Amino acid sequence: MMELTDLANKENDNDGGDKNSNNNTTTEDGSCFVVIKKLLYRHWLGDDYDGKEWTYTYYTNQGEEKVWTLLNASAFKLLKFYIITFSMIVFLFFYVRIMNDKYDDTYSIRNMIMYDSKDISLDIISFYIVGRLYNQHSIDTMEFILPCLITSIFQSWGASHLTNLIHSITPQEMKCEWGASMYILIFGVCLPFLLLIIGFHIYESKRQQISLQKLMEFTFTLIVFLFPYIGNQFFHLHHWYYGWMFGMHCNVSGFLRGVTIFGRDPIMTCDITLYQSQNQLCPYITLVSKNKNINDLAYDSGFYSHISNREDEEEEQKMGCSE
């Protein structure tokens, strides 16, 4: 039979009951606060404590009991983290479409499952491991879910309706297209908030005496996941990418919005798609010589017409912004 084996000390239940009975008189005035607190910290996918395992128990012909551990405590937390994360992605996917926020109308649930689910799953697992979520309480609580959803909804609304703020963070756009409102948002709100998170993260790392370890992990992340692509004109730092890359070190996530609205697009954009198509000898690409690289095709098709380093626009870019 299948059973959930509780190895933790169950005296906590009795202690909790005694505390509730002793504090009946003190919680009457703050009953609303108590209810909200319970809703915020309740584990909706099952209680969370060390020692919780998903096991299968059976008996041999000799009557000997055998127990197989299907999911240990860490794997059980990972399963809950996976379910909650994917549930929030699906919720936001339909939310932006119902509210008519900005989104990619060619991206469907089928496309997400068929083309992105494997990579999203690997992102979730790496986030769980690097963020050491196995040492923390599970995230199947409203304390975690509500801030993630509210932040993602606010970002979606801002990117859809605040037209003065819809810009990319590139040198050319900063020089030519950013207005005062965009500068205020980035340097007056986002940057101070980011520095606050970094400062708090450094403080916590020092308090836990793991600052050197965290520094090495973060440096390794930059070397592997960012530095090799810098300088390539086709590299695009997607929302989901920097949300995943930095979030797993600080246990905060901007990963959800980027994936649900535009999909988990590759950071090397057209370059990686051409390479994969040529490498797999895809029928639709056979007319293109395998000796041609992405730069040749980009110039031939006029794709570079908006790239600031195009040769016939170099002088114009030096003088200022093009009309």
Protein backbone atom coordinates (compact mmCIF):
# COMPACT_ATOMS: atom_id res chain seq x y z
CA MET A 1 0.00 0.00 0.00
CA MET A 2 1.01 3.63 -0.52
CA GLU A 3 1.45 5.74 2.58
CA LEU A 4 3.02 8.99 3.66
CA THR A 5 5.46 8.18 6.47
CA ASP A 6 5.79 10.86 9.12
CA LEU A 7 9.12 10.54 10.88
CA ALA A 8 9.00 13.89 12.63
CA ASN A 9 8.12 14.23 16.29
CA LYS A 10 4.35 14.43 16.48
CA GLU A 11 4.38 16.08 19.86
CA ASN A 12 4.25 19.37 17.95
CA ASP A 13 0.58 18.71 17.26
CA ASN A 14 -0.15 18.37 20.95
CA ASP A 15 1.89 21.42 21.78
CA GLY A 16 0.02 23.38 19.14
CA GLY A 17 -3.29 22.32 20.64
CA ASP A 18 -2.22 23.38 24.14
CA LYS A 19 -1.07 26.75 22.87
CA ASN A 20 -4.36 27.32 21.07
CA SER A 21 -6.35 26.45 24.17
CA ASN A 22 -4.24 28.70 26.38
CA ASN A 23 -4.46 31.65 23.99
CA ASN A 24 -8.18 31.57 23.23
CA THR A 25 -8.72 34.72 25.25
CA THR A 26 -5.86 36.57 23.63
CA THR A 27 -6.77 35.82 20.00
CA GLU A 28 -10.38 36.96 20.09
CA ASP A 29 -9.50 40.59 19.42
CA GLY A 30 -7.00 39.64 16.73
CA SER A 31 -8.97 36.78 15.17
CA CYS A 32 -8.81 38.32 11.70
CA PHE A 33 -5.04 38.61 11.98
CA VAL A 34 -4.78 35.01 13.13
CA VAL A 35 -6.85 33.76 10.19
CA ILE A 36 -4.75 35.73 7.69
CA LYS A 37 -1.56 34.42 9.27
CA LYS A 38 -2.79 30.83 9.03
CA LEU A 39 -3.72 31.28 5.38
CA LEU A 40 -0.34 32.84 4.58
CA TYR A 41 1.76 30.15 6.24
CA ARG A 42 -0.37 27.10 5.53
CA HIS A 43 1.25 24.43 3.34
CA TRP A 44 -1.42 23.74 0.73
CA LEU A 45 0.25 20.59 -0.63
CA GLY A 46 0.77 18.92 2.72
CA ASP A 47 2.56 19.65 5.95
CA ASP A 48 6.21 20.51 5.68
CA TYR A 49 8.82 19.13 8.04
CA ASP A 50 12.06 17.20 7.91
CA GLY A 51 11.55 13.48 7.66
CA LYS A 52 8.44 13.49 5.49
CA GLU A 53 8.75 10.78 2.90
CA TRP A 54 6.61 9.11 0.26
CA THR A 55 7.06 5.37 0.70
CA TYR A 56 5.72 2.08 -0.58
CA THR A 57 5.31 -0.70 1.97
CA TYR A 58 4.89 -4.36 1.08
CA TYR A 59 5.26 -7.74 2.75
CA THR A 60 7.21 -10.73 1.54
CA ASN A 61 5.89 -14.30 1.50
CA GLN A 62 7.63 -14.81 4.82
CA GLY A 63 5.68 -11.90 6.32
CA GLU A 64 8.70 -9.58 6.45
CA GLU A 65 7.89 -5.90 6.01
CA LYS A 66 9.75 -4.02 3.28
CA VAL A 67 9.66 -0.28 2.74
CA TRP A 68 10.73 1.45 -0.45
CA THR A 69 11.38 5.18 -0.30
CA LEU A 70 9.93 6.74 -3.44
CA LEU A 71 10.51 10.38 -2.47
CA ASN A 72 12.62 11.52 0.45
CA ALA A 73 12.08 14.83 2.23
CA SER A 74 14.17 16.88 -0.23
CA ALA A 75 12.56 15.29 -3.29
CA PHE A 76 9.12 15.89 -1.79
CA LYS A 77 9.94 19.60 -1.43
CA LEU A 78 11.21 19.65 -5.02
CA LEU A 79 7.96 18.08 -6.24
CA LYS A 80 5.93 20.77 -4.46
CA PHE A 81 8.21 23.51 -5.79
CA TYR A 82 7.78 22.14 -9.32
CA ILE A 83 4.00 21.92 -9.08
CA ILE A 84 3.61 25.42 -7.61
CA THR A 85 5.97 27.02 -10.15
CA PHE A 86 4.28 25.42 -13.14
CA SER A 87 0.84 26.28 -11.72
CA MET A 88 1.82 29.96 -11.45
CA ILE A 89 3.19 29.90 -15.01
CA VAL A 90 -0.11 28.50 -16.33
CA PHE A 91 -2.14 31.00 -14.27
CA LEU A 92 -0.16 33.97 -15.59
CA PHE A 93 -0.35 32.57 -19.12
CA PHE A 94 -4.14 32.81 -19.11
CA TYR A 95 -4.25 35.98 -16.99
CA VAL A 96 -2.38 38.18 -19.51
CA ARG A 97 -4.59 36.90 -22.32
CA ILE A 98 -7.83 37.47 -20.42
CA MET A 99 -6.73 40.96 -19.35
CA ASN A 100 -5.42 41.68 -22.86
CA ASP A 101 -1.97 42.63 -21.63
CA LYS A 102 0.99 42.57 -23.97
CA TYR A 103 1.94 39.01 -24.97
CA ASP A 104 3.10 36.86 -27.88
CA ASP A 105 -0.11 35.68 -29.57
CA THR A 106 1.77 32.91 -31.39
CA TYR A 107 2.79 31.29 -28.10
CA SER A 108 0.36 28.63 -26.89
CA ILE A 109 0.15 26.08 -24.11
CA ARG A 110 0.93 23.43 -26.69
CA ASN A 111 4.09 25.28 -27.73
CA MET A 112 5.09 25.65 -24.09
CA ILE A 113 4.71 21.95 -23.39
CA MET A 114 6.17 20.76 -26.70
CA TYR A 115 9.17 23.09 -26.98
CA ASP A 116 9.86 24.71 -23.60
CA SER A 117 8.72 22.34 -20.84
CA LYS A 118 12.00 20.40 -20.74
CA ASP A 119 14.10 23.54 -20.39
CA ILE A 120 11.68 25.08 -17.88
CA SER A 121 11.91 21.90 -15.81
CA LEU A 122 15.72 22.09 -15.80
CA ASP A 123 15.48 25.77 -14.80
CA ILE A 124 13.25 24.85 -11.86
CA ILE A 125 15.58 22.06 -10.71
CA SER A 126 18.69 24.25 -10.92
CA PHE A 127 16.85 27.05 -9.10
CA TYR A 128 15.93 24.56 -6.36
CA ILE A 129 19.48 23.22 -5.97
CA VAL A 130 21.46 26.46 -6.22
CA GLY A 131 18.97 28.30 -4.02
CA ARG A 132 19.23 25.48 -1.43
CA LEU A 133 15.47 25.31 -1.15
CA TYR A 134 15.84 21.78 0.22
CA ASN A 135 17.08 23.38 3.46
CA GLN A 136 14.10 25.73 3.70
CA HIS A 137 10.36 25.50 4.10
CA SER A 138 8.45 24.48 0.99
CA ILE A 139 7.01 27.23 -1.15
CA ASP A 140 3.45 25.91 -1.28
CA THR A 141 2.35 28.82 0.94
CA MET A 142 0.59 32.08 0.12
CA GLU A 143 3.54 33.84 1.73
CA PHE A 144 5.54 32.86 -1.37
CA ILE A 145 2.83 32.57 -4.03
CA LEU A 146 1.11 35.95 -3.57
CA PRO A 147 4.26 38.16 -3.85
CA CYS A 148 5.34 36.26 -6.98
CA LEU A 149 1.94 36.60 -8.66
CA ILE A 150 1.38 40.24 -7.64
CA THR A 151 4.86 41.26 -8.83
CA SER A 152 4.40 39.47 -12.15
CA ILE A 153 0.94 40.98 -12.66
CA PHE A 154 2.25 44.47 -11.92
CA GLN A 155 5.16 44.00 -14.33
CA SER A 156 2.79 42.79 -17.03
CA TRP A 157 0.47 45.74 -16.51
CA GLY A 158 3.35 48.24 -16.61
CA ALA A 159 4.87 46.73 -19.74
CA SER A 160 1.46 46.83 -21.46
CA HIS A 161 -0.04 50.17 -20.45
CA LEU A 162 2.81 52.50 -19.42
CA THR A 163 4.00 53.25 -22.94
CA ASN A 164 6.74 55.61 -21.78
CA LEU A 165 8.36 52.71 -19.93
CA ILE A 166 8.35 50.14 -22.76
CA HIS A 167 12.03 50.14 -23.73
CA SER A 168 15.01 47.81 -23.72
CA ILE A 169 18.12 48.39 -21.63
CA THR A 170 20.63 48.95 -24.43
CA PRO A 171 23.10 51.83 -24.94
CA GLN A 172 21.33 52.95 -28.12
CA GLU A 173 17.85 53.06 -26.57
CA MET A 174 19.16 54.76 -23.43
CA LYS A 175 20.70 57.45 -25.59
CA CYS A 176 17.93 57.99 -28.10
CA GLU A 177 14.60 56.69 -26.82
CA TRP A 178 14.50 56.78 -23.03
CA GLY A 179 12.44 59.58 -21.55
CA ALA A 180 12.58 61.11 -18.07
CA SER A 181 10.04 58.61 -16.74
CA MET A 182 12.18 55.67 -17.85
CA TYR A 183 15.28 57.11 -16.18
CA ILE A 184 13.33 57.74 -12.98
CA LEU A 185 12.00 54.18 -12.98
CA ILE A 186 15.39 52.55 -13.60
CA PHE A 187 17.72 54.76 -11.55
CA GLY A 188 15.24 56.00 -8.97
CA VAL A 189 13.29 52.81 -8.26
CA CYS A 190 14.68 49.63 -9.81
CA LEU A 191 18.38 50.20 -9.21
CA PRO A 192 18.02 51.21 -5.52
CA PHE A 193 15.71 48.24 -4.97
CA LEU A 194 18.21 45.91 -6.66
CA LEU A 195 21.05 47.29 -4.53
CA LEU A 196 18.90 46.78 -1.43
CA ILE A 197 18.34 43.13 -2.33
CA ILE A 198 22.05 42.63 -3.03
CA GLY A 199 23.00 44.32 0.24
CA PHE A 200 20.58 42.20 2.21
CA HIS A 201 21.85 39.08 0.46
CA ILE A 202 25.45 39.97 1.33
CA TYR A 203 24.45 40.62 4.94
CA GLU A 204 22.68 37.26 5.21
CA SER A 205 25.64 35.48 3.60
CA LYS A 206 28.03 37.00 6.13
CA ARG A 207 25.70 36.18 9.00
CA GLN A 208 25.54 32.55 7.87
CA GLN A 209 29.32 32.56 7.19
CA ILE A 210 28.88 31.46 3.58
CA SER A 211 29.78 34.73 1.82
CA LEU A 212 32.90 33.32 0.11
CA GLN A 213 31.00 30.26 -1.03
CA LYS A 214 28.18 32.42 -2.45
CA LEU A 215 30.69 34.67 -4.21
CA MET A 216 32.32 31.67 -5.90
CA GLU A 217 28.95 30.28 -6.98
CA PHE A 218 27.79 33.60 -8.40
CA THR A 219 31.10 34.14 -10.22
CA PHE A 220 30.85 30.65 -11.72
CA THR A 221 27.29 31.44 -12.87
CA LEU A 222 28.45 34.58 -14.68
CA ILE A 223 31.39 32.77 -16.30
CA VAL A 224 29.21 29.92 -17.61
CA PHE A 225 25.87 31.59 -18.36
CA LEU A 226 26.72 35.18 -19.32
CA PHE A 227 30.30 35.96 -20.29
CA PRO A 228 30.52 33.65 -23.37
CA TYR A 229 27.68 35.53 -25.10
CA ILE A 230 28.61 39.14 -24.37
CA GLY A 231 29.65 40.96 -27.54
CA ASN A 232 27.55 38.88 -29.92
CA GLN A 233 25.03 41.14 -31.66
CA PHE A 234 22.40 38.41 -31.52
CA PHE A 235 22.63 37.98 -27.75
CA HIS A 236 19.48 39.19 -25.99
CA LEU A 237 19.17 39.18 -22.20
CA HIS A 238 15.57 38.00 -21.88
CA HIS A 239 13.48 38.72 -18.80
CA TRP A 240 13.26 35.06 -17.90
CA TYR A 241 17.03 34.60 -18.26
CA TYR A 242 18.29 37.22 -15.85
CA GLY A 243 15.35 36.45 -13.55
CA TRP A 244 16.49 32.84 -13.41
CA MET A 245 20.24 33.53 -13.36
CA PHE A 246 20.20 36.02 -10.49
CA GLY A 247 17.06 34.82 -8.75
CA MET A 248 18.36 31.38 -7.85
CA HIS A 249 21.16 32.99 -5.82
CA CYS A 250 18.84 35.35 -3.94
CA ASN A 251 15.72 33.16 -3.84
CA VAL A 252 13.67 35.78 -5.67
CA SER A 253 12.28 35.22 -9.12
CA GLY A 254 11.48 37.35 -12.15
CA PHE A 255 11.39 34.14 -14.16
CA LEU A 256 7.61 33.70 -14.36
CA ARG A 257 6.54 36.74 -16.38
CA GLY A 258 9.08 36.33 -19.16
CA VAL A 259 8.21 32.67 -19.75
CA THR A 260 4.44 33.05 -19.64
CA ILE A 261 4.19 36.13 -21.88
CA PHE A 262 6.85 35.64 -24.55
CA GLY A 263 8.00 32.07 -24.00
CA ARG A 264 11.40 30.77 -23.03
CA ASP A 265 13.14 32.22 -26.07
CA PRO A 266 16.82 31.36 -26.63
CA ILE A 267 19.28 34.05 -25.59
CA MET A 268 21.20 33.67 -28.88
CA THR A 269 17.96 34.30 -30.84
CA CYS A 270 18.37 33.80 -34.61
CA ASP A 271 21.96 32.60 -34.32
CA ILE A 272 21.09 29.44 -32.40
CA THR A 273 18.04 28.66 -34.56
CA LEU A 274 20.10 28.84 -37.76
CA TYR A 275 22.84 26.68 -36.27
CA GLN A 276 20.38 24.01 -35.15
CA SER A 277 18.53 24.04 -38.47
CA GLN A 278 21.71 23.66 -40.51
CA ASN A 279 23.14 21.05 -38.15
CA GLN A 280 20.00 18.92 -38.37
CA LEU A 281 19.70 19.39 -42.15
CA CYS A 282 16.14 20.67 -41.78
CA PRO A 283 14.27 20.63 -45.12
CA TYR A 284 13.23 24.27 -44.90
CA ILE A 285 16.85 25.38 -44.66
CA THR A 286 18.37 23.25 -47.42
CA LEU A 287 18.34 26.15 -49.87
CA VAL A 288 20.78 27.97 -47.60
CA SER A 289 24.39 26.96 -47.91
CA LYS A 290 25.79 25.44 -44.74
CA ASN A 291 28.88 27.57 -45.31
CA LYS A 292 26.82 30.72 -44.78
CA ASN A 293 26.75 31.94 -41.22
CA ILE A 294 24.20 34.06 -39.43
CA ASN A 295 26.01 37.30 -40.25
CA ASP A 296 25.90 36.63 -44.00
CA LEU A 297 22.19 35.85 -43.91
CA ALA A 298 21.43 38.82 -41.67
CA TYR A 299 23.07 41.24 -44.09
CA ASP A 300 21.46 39.59 -47.13
CA SER A 301 17.97 39.77 -45.62
CA GLY A 302 18.35 43.31 -44.28
CA PHE A 303 18.04 42.09 -40.70
CA TYR A 304 20.84 44.43 -39.64
CA SER A 305 18.91 47.52 -40.66
CA HIS A 306 18.19 48.27 -36.99
CA ILE A 307 21.58 47.27 -35.56
CA SER A 308 23.59 50.25 -34.40
CA ASN A 309 26.94 48.86 -35.60
CA ARG A 310 25.92 48.51 -39.24
CA GLU A 311 28.70 49.89 -41.39
CA ASP A 312 26.62 52.33 -43.43
CA GLU A 313 25.22 53.88 -40.26
CA GLU A 314 28.43 54.16 -38.25
CA GLU A 315 28.95 57.82 -39.03
CA GLU A 316 25.34 58.64 -38.33
CA GLN A 317 25.52 56.86 -34.98
CA LYS A 318 28.65 58.77 -34.05
CA MET A 319 26.88 62.05 -34.72
CA GLY A 320 23.79 61.18 -32.69
CA CYS A 321 20.46 59.41 -32.86
CA SER A 322 18.91 58.61 -36.22
CA GLU A 323 15.51 60.03 -37.02
